[in-house]
Amino acid sequence: MTGWGWVNILTGLMLAVVALAVFLNPVRARAATIVAACLAVTVSFLWMPYYPPGSIVLIALDVVAIWGVTTWNIARESA
């Protein structure tokens, strides 16, 4: 369980860095956001036997983040 705790902490730190990158340069950080969110989905899925409600919520939030980043269109914002 201690190992899983460290995996979750490191995944959370990586997601925080990618979120900061999205605010600084969103166009270049899109691929990193998708990769990081997919990794977070995988970690949450593997954590599901230990904490099902939290894992389901995190997977749903990661899917929403992936959807938001992939459907975001910069041309609409500049208009």
PDB file of N, CA and C in Angstrom:
ATOM      1  N   MET A   1       0.825  -1.203   0.000  1.00  0.00           N
ATOM      2  CA  MET A   1       0.000   0.000   0.000  1.00  0.00           C
ATOM      3  C   MET A   1       0.863   1.258   0.000  1.00  0.00           C
ATOM      4  N   THR A   2       2.005   1.219   0.662  1.00  0.00           N
ATOM      5  CA  THR A   2       2.875   2.397   0.686  1.00  0.00           C
ATOM      6  C   THR A   2       3.371   2.718  -0.716  1.00  0.00           C
ATOM      7  N   GLY A   3       3.688   1.676  -1.476  1.00  0.00           N
ATOM      8  CA  GLY A   3       4.133   1.883  -2.856  1.00  0.00           C
ATOM      9  C   GLY A   3       3.065   2.551  -3.706  1.00  0.00           C
ATOM     10  N   TRP A   4       1.812   2.133  -3.521  1.00  0.00           N
ATOM     11  CA  TRP A   4       0.716   2.745  -4.270  1.00  0.00           C
ATOM     12  C   TRP A   4       0.514   4.201  -3.869  1.00  0.00           C
ATOM     13  N   GLY A   5       0.757   4.479  -2.604  1.00  0.00           N
ATOM     14  CA  GLY A   5       0.659   5.873  -2.163  1.00  0.00           C
ATOM     15  C   GLY A   5       1.668   6.749  -2.876  1.00  0.00           C
ATOM     16  N   TRP A   6       2.898   6.258  -2.998  1.00  0.00           N
ATOM     17  CA  TRP A   6       3.921   7.029  -3.717  1.00  0.00           C
ATOM     18  C   TRP A   6       3.589   7.164  -5.197  1.00  0.00           C
ATOM     19  N   VAL A   7       3.053   6.115  -5.796  1.00  0.00           N
ATOM     20  CA  VAL A   7       2.655   6.193  -7.210  1.00  0.00           C
ATOM     21  C   VAL A   7       1.586   7.265  -7.385  1.00  0.00           C
ATOM     22  N   ASN A   8       0.613   7.318  -6.488  1.00  0.00           N
ATOM     23  CA  ASN A   8      -0.439   8.334  -6.577  1.00  0.00           C
ATOM     24  C   ASN A   8       0.102   9.737  -6.350  1.00  0.00           C
ATOM     25  N   ILE A   9       1.028   9.893  -5.418  1.00  0.00           N
ATOM     26  CA  ILE A   9       1.623  11.209  -5.184  1.00  0.00           C
ATOM     27  C   ILE A   9       2.407  11.672  -6.395  1.00  0.00           C
ATOM     28  N   LEU A  10       3.217  10.791  -6.972  1.00  0.00           N
ATOM     29  CA  LEU A  10       4.009  11.170  -8.148  1.00  0.00           C
ATOM     30  C   LEU A  10       3.128  11.461  -9.359  1.00  0.00           C
ATOM     31  N   THR A  11       2.058  10.690  -9.516  1.00  0.00           N
ATOM     32  CA  THR A  11       1.128  10.960 -10.607  1.00  0.00           C
ATOM     33  C   THR A  11       0.456  12.318 -10.419  1.00  0.00           C
ATOM     34  N   GLY A  12       0.067  12.626  -9.199  1.00  0.00           N
ATOM     35  CA  GLY A  12      -0.547  13.926  -8.907  1.00  0.00           C
ATOM     36  C   GLY A  12       0.408  15.080  -9.162  1.00  0.00           C
ATOM     37  N   LEU A  13       1.668  14.918  -8.783  1.00  0.00           N
ATOM     38  CA  LEU A  13       2.660  15.971  -9.050  1.00  0.00           C
ATOM     39  C   LEU A  13       2.861  16.166 -10.552  1.00  0.00           C
ATOM     40  N   MET A  14       2.906  15.056 -11.296  1.00  0.00           N
ATOM     41  CA  MET A  14       3.066  15.166 -12.747  1.00  0.00           C
ATOM     42  C   MET A  14       1.856  15.876 -13.362  1.00  0.00           C
ATOM     43  N   LEU A  15       0.665  15.575 -12.881  1.00  0.00           N
ATOM     44  CA  LEU A  15      -0.529  16.236 -13.393  1.00  0.00           C
ATOM     45  C   LEU A  15      -0.529  17.725 -13.056  1.00  0.00           C
ATOM     46  N   ALA A  16      -0.003  18.084 -11.890  1.00  0.00           N
ATOM     47  CA  ALA A  16       0.080  19.499 -11.520  1.00  0.00           C
ATOM     48  C   ALA A  16       1.047  20.245 -12.432  1.00  0.00           C
ATOM     49  N   VAL A  17       2.162  19.627 -12.766  1.00  0.00           N
ATOM     50  CA  VAL A  17       3.130  20.263 -13.671  1.00  0.00           C
ATOM     51  C   VAL A  17       2.522  20.437 -15.058  1.00  0.00           C
ATOM     52  N   VAL A  18       1.819  19.423 -15.536  1.00  0.00           N
ATOM     53  CA  VAL A  18       1.195  19.511 -16.860  1.00  0.00           C
ATOM     54  C   VAL A  18       0.085  20.558 -16.848  1.00  0.00           C
ATOM     55  N   ALA A  19      -0.662  20.661 -15.756  1.00  0.00           N
ATOM     56  CA  ALA A  19      -1.706  21.685 -15.666  1.00  0.00           C
ATOM     57  C   ALA A  19      -1.101  23.081 -15.714  1.00  0.00           C
ATOM     58  N   LEU A  20       0.021  23.272 -15.053  1.00  0.00           N
ATOM     59  CA  LEU A  20       0.714  24.557 -15.119  1.00  0.00           C
ATOM     60  C   LEU A  20       1.180  24.838 -16.542  1.00  0.00           C
ATOM     61  N   ALA A  21       1.672  23.821 -17.226  1.00  0.00           N
ATOM     62  CA  ALA A  21       2.106  23.994 -18.613  1.00  0.00           C
ATOM     63  C   ALA A  21       0.945  24.374 -19.522  1.00  0.00           C
ATOM     64  N   VAL A  22      -0.235  23.849 -19.241  1.00  0.00           N
ATOM     65  CA  VAL A  22      -1.418  24.199 -20.044  1.00  0.00           C
ATOM     66  C   VAL A  22      -1.748  25.681 -19.886  1.00  0.00           C
ATOM     67  N   PHE A  23      -1.585  26.203 -18.690  1.00  0.00           N
ATOM     68  CA  PHE A  23      -1.855  27.626 -18.474  1.00  0.00           C
ATOM     69  C   PHE A  23      -0.794  28.501 -19.120  1.00  0.00           C
ATOM     70  N   LEU A  24       0.451  28.042 -19.175  1.00  0.00           N
ATOM     71  CA  LEU A  24       1.523  28.847 -19.742  1.00  0.00           C
ATOM     72  C   LEU A  24       1.554  28.798 -21.271  1.00  0.00           C
ATOM     73  N   ASN A  25       1.392  27.619 -21.838  1.00  0.00           N
ATOM     74  CA  ASN A  25       1.419  27.468 -23.293  1.00  0.00           C
ATOM     75  C   ASN A  25       0.483  26.325 -23.687  1.00  0.00           C
ATOM     76  N   PRO A  26      -0.811  26.604 -23.818  1.00  0.00           N
ATOM     77  CA  PRO A  26      -1.785  25.524 -24.014  1.00  0.00           C
ATOM     78  C   PRO A  26      -1.619  24.739 -25.303  1.00  0.00           C
ATOM     79  N   VAL A  27      -1.167  25.372 -26.359  1.00  0.00           N
ATOM     80  CA  VAL A  27      -1.059  24.662 -27.634  1.00  0.00           C
ATOM     81  C   VAL A  27       0.017  23.585 -27.557  1.00  0.00           C
ATOM     82  N   ARG A  28       1.135  23.905 -26.949  1.00  0.00           N
ATOM     83  CA  ARG A  28       2.242  22.946 -26.885  1.00  0.00           C
ATOM     84  C   ARG A  28       2.042  21.885 -25.807  1.00  0.00           C
ATOM     85  N   ALA A  29       1.197  22.158 -24.838  1.00  0.00           N
ATOM     86  CA  ALA A  29       1.024  21.225 -23.724  1.00  0.00           C
ATOM     87  C   ALA A  29      -0.117  20.232 -23.938  1.00  0.00           C
ATOM     88  N   ARG A  30      -0.776  20.303 -25.056  1.00  0.00           N
ATOM     89  CA  ARG A  30      -1.918  19.416 -25.282  1.00  0.00           C
ATOM     90  C   ARG A  30      -1.525  17.947 -25.275  1.00  0.00           C
ATOM     91  N   ALA A  31      -0.464  17.590 -25.974  1.00  0.00           N
ATOM     92  CA  ALA A  31      -0.035  16.185 -26.037  1.00  0.00           C
ATOM     93  C   ALA A  31       0.396  15.689 -24.658  1.00  0.00           C
ATOM     94  N   ALA A  32       1.125  16.517 -23.934  1.00  0.00           N
ATOM     95  CA  ALA A  32       1.557  16.122 -22.591  1.00  0.00           C
ATOM     96  C   ALA A  32       0.355  15.934 -21.668  1.00  0.00           C
ATOM     97  N   THR A  33      -0.652  16.753 -21.840  1.00  0.00           N
ATOM     98  CA  THR A  33      -1.859  16.631 -21.022  1.00  0.00           C
ATOM     99  C   THR A  33      -2.568  15.305 -21.299  1.00  0.00           C
ATOM    100  N   ILE A  34      -2.670  14.947 -22.552  1.00  0.00           N
ATOM    101  CA  ILE A  34      -3.336  13.696 -22.915  1.00  0.00           C
ATOM    102  C   ILE A  34      -2.566  12.497 -22.374  1.00  0.00           C
ATOM    103  N   VAL A  35      -1.248  12.513 -22.523  1.00  0.00           N
ATOM    104  CA  VAL A  35      -0.428  11.407 -22.025  1.00  0.00           C
ATOM    105  C   VAL A  35      -0.523  11.310 -20.503  1.00  0.00           C
ATOM    106  N   ALA A  36      -0.420  12.435 -19.821  1.00  0.00           N
ATOM    107  CA  ALA A  36      -0.485  12.432 -18.356  1.00  0.00           C
ATOM    108  C   ALA A  36      -1.854  11.972 -17.859  1.00  0.00           C
ATOM    109  N   ALA A  37      -2.914  12.412 -18.503  1.00  0.00           N
ATOM    110  CA  ALA A  37      -4.254  12.002 -18.083  1.00  0.00           C
ATOM    111  C   ALA A  37      -4.478  10.512 -18.351  1.00  0.00           C
ATOM    112  N   CYS A  38      -3.957  10.002 -19.445  1.00  0.00           N
ATOM    113  CA  CYS A  38      -4.063   8.559 -19.718  1.00  0.00           C
ATOM    114  C   CYS A  38      -3.306   7.748 -18.671  1.00  0.00           C
ATOM    115  N   LEU A  39      -2.140   8.244 -18.266  1.00  0.00           N
ATOM    116  CA  LEU A  39      -1.398   7.577 -17.205  1.00  0.00           C
ATOM    117  C   LEU A  39      -2.183   7.624 -15.893  1.00  0.00           C
ATOM    118  N   ALA A  40      -2.803   8.752 -15.613  1.00  0.00           N
ATOM    119  CA  ALA A  40      -3.603   8.878 -14.392  1.00  0.00           C
ATOM    120  C   ALA A  40      -4.812   7.945 -14.427  1.00  0.00           C
ATOM    121  N   VAL A  41      -5.419   7.768 -15.586  1.00  0.00           N
ATOM    122  CA  VAL A  41      -6.536   6.825 -15.718  1.00  0.00           C
ATOM    123  C   VAL A  41      -6.057   5.408 -15.415  1.00  0.00           C
ATOM    124  N   THR A  42      -4.882   5.059 -15.935  1.00  0.00           N
ATOM    125  CA  THR A  42      -4.332   3.724 -15.700  1.00  0.00           C
ATOM    126  C   THR A  42      -4.051   3.504 -14.213  1.00  0.00           C
ATOM    127  N   VAL A  43      -3.425   4.476 -13.562  1.00  0.00           N
ATOM    128  CA  VAL A  43      -3.135   4.355 -12.131  1.00  0.00           C
ATOM    129  C   VAL A  43      -4.434   4.270 -11.333  1.00  0.00           C
ATOM    130  N   SER A  44      -5.422   5.071 -11.682  1.00  0.00           N
ATOM    131  CA  SER A  44      -6.705   5.031 -10.968  1.00  0.00           C
ATOM    132  C   SER A  44      -7.407   3.694 -11.171  1.00  0.00           C
ATOM    133  N   PHE A  45      -7.302   3.150 -12.377  1.00  0.00           N
ATOM    134  CA  PHE A  45      -7.916   1.853 -12.646  1.00  0.00           C
ATOM    135  C   PHE A  45      -7.248   0.763 -11.804  1.00  0.00           C
ATOM    136  N   LEU A  46      -5.928   0.824 -11.683  1.00  0.00           N
ATOM    137  CA  LEU A  46      -5.225  -0.166 -10.875  1.00  0.00           C
ATOM    138  C   LEU A  46      -5.485   0.020  -9.380  1.00  0.00           C
ATOM    139  N   TRP A  47      -5.833   1.220  -8.963  1.00  0.00           N
ATOM    140  CA  TRP A  47      -6.121   1.526  -7.564  1.00  0.00           C
ATOM    141  C   TRP A  47      -7.564   1.164  -7.199  1.00  0.00           C
ATOM    142  N   MET A  48      -8.383   0.829  -8.194  1.00  0.00           N
ATOM    143  CA  MET A  48      -9.813   0.604  -7.984  1.00  0.00           C
ATOM    144  C   MET A  48     -10.143  -0.472  -6.940  1.00  0.00           C
ATOM    145  N   PRO A  49      -9.414  -1.580  -6.835  1.00  0.00           N
ATOM    146  CA  PRO A  49      -9.781  -2.571  -5.803  1.00  0.00           C
ATOM    147  C   PRO A  49      -9.654  -2.035  -4.380  1.00  0.00           C
ATOM    148  N   TYR A  50      -8.832  -1.016  -4.175  1.00  0.00           N
ATOM    149  CA  TYR A  50      -8.593  -0.494  -2.834  1.00  0.00           C
ATOM    150  C   TYR A  50      -9.528   0.656  -2.474  1.00  0.00           C
ATOM    151  N   TYR A  51      -9.941   1.446  -3.462  1.00  0.00           N
ATOM    152  CA  TYR A  51     -10.796   2.602  -3.195  1.00  0.00           C
ATOM    153  C   TYR A  51     -11.671   2.869  -4.424  1.00  0.00           C
ATOM    154  N   PRO A  52     -12.737   2.074  -4.612  1.00  0.00           N
ATOM    155  CA  PRO A  52     -13.555   2.185  -5.825  1.00  0.00           C
ATOM    156  C   PRO A  52     -14.209   3.547  -6.054  1.00  0.00           C
ATOM    157  N   PRO A  53     -14.838   4.179  -5.058  1.00  0.00           N
ATOM    158  CA  PRO A  53     -15.506   5.454  -5.348  1.00  0.00           C
ATOM    159  C   PRO A  53     -14.537   6.538  -5.822  1.00  0.00           C
ATOM    160  N   GLY A  54     -13.410   6.648  -5.140  1.00  0.00           N
ATOM    161  CA  GLY A  54     -12.427   7.662  -5.525  1.00  0.00           C
ATOM    162  C   GLY A  54     -11.839   7.390  -6.891  1.00  0.00           C
ATOM    163  N   SER A  55     -11.594   6.130  -7.190  1.00  0.00           N
ATOM    164  CA  SER A  55     -11.039   5.776  -8.494  1.00  0.00           C
ATOM    165  C   SER A  55     -12.000   6.111  -9.622  1.00  0.00           C
ATOM    166  N   ILE A  56     -13.275   5.827  -9.417  1.00  0.00           N
ATOM    167  CA  ILE A  56     -14.272   6.118 -10.449  1.00  0.00           C
ATOM    168  C   ILE A  56     -14.373   7.617 -10.692  1.00  0.00           C
ATOM    169  N   VAL A  57     -14.350   8.392  -9.633  1.00  0.00           N
ATOM    170  CA  VAL A  57     -14.418   9.854  -9.773  1.00  0.00           C
ATOM    171  C   VAL A  57     -13.180  10.379 -10.506  1.00  0.00           C
ATOM    172  N   LEU A  58     -12.003   9.889 -10.139  1.00  0.00           N
ATOM    173  CA  LEU A  58     -10.776  10.347 -10.800  1.00  0.00           C
ATOM    174  C   LEU A  58     -10.735   9.945 -12.276  1.00  0.00           C
ATOM    175  N   ILE A  59     -11.192   8.743 -12.587  1.00  0.00           N
ATOM    176  CA  ILE A  59     -11.236   8.323 -13.988  1.00  0.00           C
ATOM    177  C   ILE A  59     -12.180   9.224 -14.771  1.00  0.00           C
ATOM    178  N   ALA A  60     -13.340   9.525 -14.210  1.00  0.00           N
ATOM    179  CA  ALA A  60     -14.294  10.406 -14.893  1.00  0.00           C
ATOM    180  C   ALA A  60     -13.697  11.798 -15.109  1.00  0.00           C
ATOM    181  N   LEU A  61     -13.027  12.338 -14.097  1.00  0.00           N
ATOM    182  CA  LEU A  61     -12.402  13.659 -14.252  1.00  0.00           C
ATOM    183  C   LEU A  61     -11.282  13.646 -15.289  1.00  0.00           C
ATOM    184  N   ASP A  62     -10.509  12.580 -15.327  1.00  0.00           N
ATOM    185  CA  ASP A  62      -9.449  12.480 -16.335  1.00  0.00           C
ATOM    186  C   ASP A  62     -10.024  12.383 -17.745  1.00  0.00           C
ATOM    187  N   VAL A  63     -11.116  11.646 -17.892  1.00  0.00           N
ATOM    188  CA  VAL A  63     -11.760  11.547 -19.206  1.00  0.00           C
ATOM    189  C   VAL A  63     -12.299  12.913 -19.636  1.00  0.00           C
ATOM    190  N   VAL A  64     -12.880  13.657 -18.711  1.00  0.00           N
ATOM    191  CA  VAL A  64     -13.368  15.001 -19.030  1.00  0.00           C
ATOM    192  C   VAL A  64     -12.196  15.913 -19.419  1.00  0.00           C
ATOM    193  N   ALA A  65     -11.071  15.795 -18.728  1.00  0.00           N
ATOM    194  CA  ALA A  65      -9.898  16.600 -19.068  1.00  0.00           C
ATOM    195  C   ALA A  65      -9.373  16.255 -20.462  1.00  0.00           C
ATOM    196  N   ILE A  66      -9.327  14.977 -20.781  1.00  0.00           N
ATOM    197  CA  ILE A  66      -8.884  14.566 -22.121  1.00  0.00           C
ATOM    198  C   ILE A  66      -9.845  15.097 -23.173  1.00  0.00           C
ATOM    199  N   TRP A  67     -11.137  14.981 -22.918  1.00  0.00           N
ATOM    200  CA  TRP A  67     -12.127  15.490 -23.868  1.00  0.00           C
ATOM    201  C   TRP A  67     -11.973  16.997 -24.050  1.00  0.00           C
ATOM    202  N   GLY A  68     -11.808  17.711 -22.960  1.00  0.00           N
ATOM    203  CA  GLY A  68     -11.678  19.162 -23.042  1.00  0.00           C
ATOM    204  C   GLY A  68     -10.449  19.604 -23.814  1.00  0.00           C
ATOM    205  N   VAL A  69      -9.347  18.924 -23.604  1.00  0.00           N
ATOM    206  CA  VAL A  69      -8.106  19.301 -24.292  1.00  0.00           C
ATOM    207  C   VAL A  69      -8.174  18.933 -25.771  1.00  0.00           C
ATOM    208  N   THR A  70      -8.771  17.797 -26.095  1.00  0.00           N
ATOM    209  CA  THR A  70      -8.801  17.380 -27.500  1.00  0.00           C
ATOM    210  C   THR A  70      -9.820  18.160 -28.324  1.00  0.00           C
ATOM    211  N   THR A  71     -10.877  18.664 -27.707  1.00  0.00           N
ATOM    212  CA  THR A  71     -11.894  19.391 -28.471  1.00  0.00           C
ATOM    213  C   THR A  71     -11.713  20.902 -28.418  1.00  0.00           C
ATOM    214  N   TRP A  72     -10.716  21.368 -27.669  1.00  0.00           N
ATOM    215  CA  TRP A  72     -10.468  22.802 -27.541  1.00  0.00           C
ATOM    216  C   TRP A  72      -9.973  23.354 -28.875  1.00  0.00           C
ATOM    217  N   ASN A  73     -10.546  24.475 -29.299  1.00  0.00           N
ATOM    218  CA  ASN A  73     -10.193  25.090 -30.577  1.00  0.00           C
ATOM    219  C   ASN A  73      -9.764  26.526 -30.318  1.00  0.00           C
ATOM    220  N   ILE A  74      -8.511  26.819 -30.595  1.00  0.00           N
ATOM    221  CA  ILE A  74      -7.974  28.156 -30.323  1.00  0.00           C
ATOM    222  C   ILE A  74      -8.588  29.205 -31.258  1.00  0.00           C
ATOM    223  N   ALA A  75      -9.043  28.800 -32.411  1.00  0.00           N
ATOM    224  CA  ALA A  75      -9.625  29.750 -33.362  1.00  0.00           C
ATOM    225  C   ALA A  75     -10.920  30.347 -32.816  1.00  0.00           C
ATOM    226  N   ARG A  76     -11.667  29.605 -32.028  1.00  0.00           N
ATOM    227  CA  ARG A  76     -12.902  30.127 -31.456  1.00  0.00           C
ATOM    228  C   ARG A  76     -12.639  31.195 -30.397  1.00  0.00           C
ATOM    229  N   GLU A  77     -11.546  31.063 -29.661  1.00  0.00           N
ATOM    230  CA  GLU A  77     -11.241  32.011 -28.593  1.00  0.00           C
ATOM    231  C   GLU A  77     -10.777  33.364 -29.126  1.00  0.00           C
ATOM    232  N   SER A  78     -10.061  33.369 -30.220  1.00  0.00           N
ATOM    233  CA  SER A  78      -9.507  34.619 -30.738  1.00  0.00           C
ATOM    234  C   SER A  78     -10.536  35.456 -31.483  1.00  0.00           C
ATOM    235  N   ALA A  79     -11.681  34.874 -31.776  1.00  0.00           N
ATOM    236  CA  ALA A  79     -12.708  35.592 -32.533  1.00  0.00           C
ATOM    237  C   ALA A  79     -13.499  36.545 -31.669  1.00  0.00           C
TER     238      ALA A  79
END
